[in-house]
Amino acid sequence: MLTAEPVGRVLDYRAPEGGCAEGAFVVVPLGPRLVMGVVWGPGEGGFDLARLRAVNRVLDVAPMRAELRSFLLRAADYTLTPPPAMLRLATRSPGLGEAPGPRRVYRLAGTEPARMTEARARVLDALQSFGGAALTLSELAAAAEVTTSVVKGLVKIGAVLEEEAPRDLPYPRLDPSLPGKELSGDQAVGAERLRAAVRAAAMAQRC
């Protein structure tokens, strides 16, 4: 277990019931306090297991990926920084141990108001222009160039839906097999020049 506290090394703890995976964010006892840490790998052992203190709880957040843990260790070596200090930099986020709160978002309801005004039409047009994606109140008001009261009025008459959605959704993994975007003529020429330069550099390295 690596914590962000200045102890200078990883610590062994007894896994909670049900276990915990590498990279999991956990709360562990350290002296008289409870601190946050990350499961860095299997315990080292070599001492009386009865003396091990147990993990207090596993946080309900996405685990730290192996790539980030590896990067933090390499950065620590390169900058001569203790690993706990690097972990503190990577986890200095208020409310990290708290469950992500919901936010209110707005989307088209599929019905038009009985009385259409220019401001209301701009709100509906803005939602349509985003392809049905949900927007927050401030985002929608800014996109439609109206006050928030116009949006709330459309919610009251059922023309716009108000829903709760998770505040922080994980980003999807990049898929290099997906087709690229169609390029314009000038963009295609520039892309081919870049590819040619990369091929030439690779050939020069092999020579």
Foldseek 3Di string as FASTA:
>chain_A
DAALDPPQDDDDAAADVVGDDFQWWFWFDDPNDIGIDGRHDDDPDPDDPVPHHHTPGTAPDDGDDPVVLVVLVVVCVVVVNRSSNSVCVVPVDPPPRPFFDKAKWKWFQPDDDPDDDLLLVLLNVQRVVVVGDIHHLVVSCVSSVHDSVSVVVCCVRRGMPIDIDGPDDDDDDDDPVDDDDDDDPVVVVVVVVVVVVVVVVVVVVVD
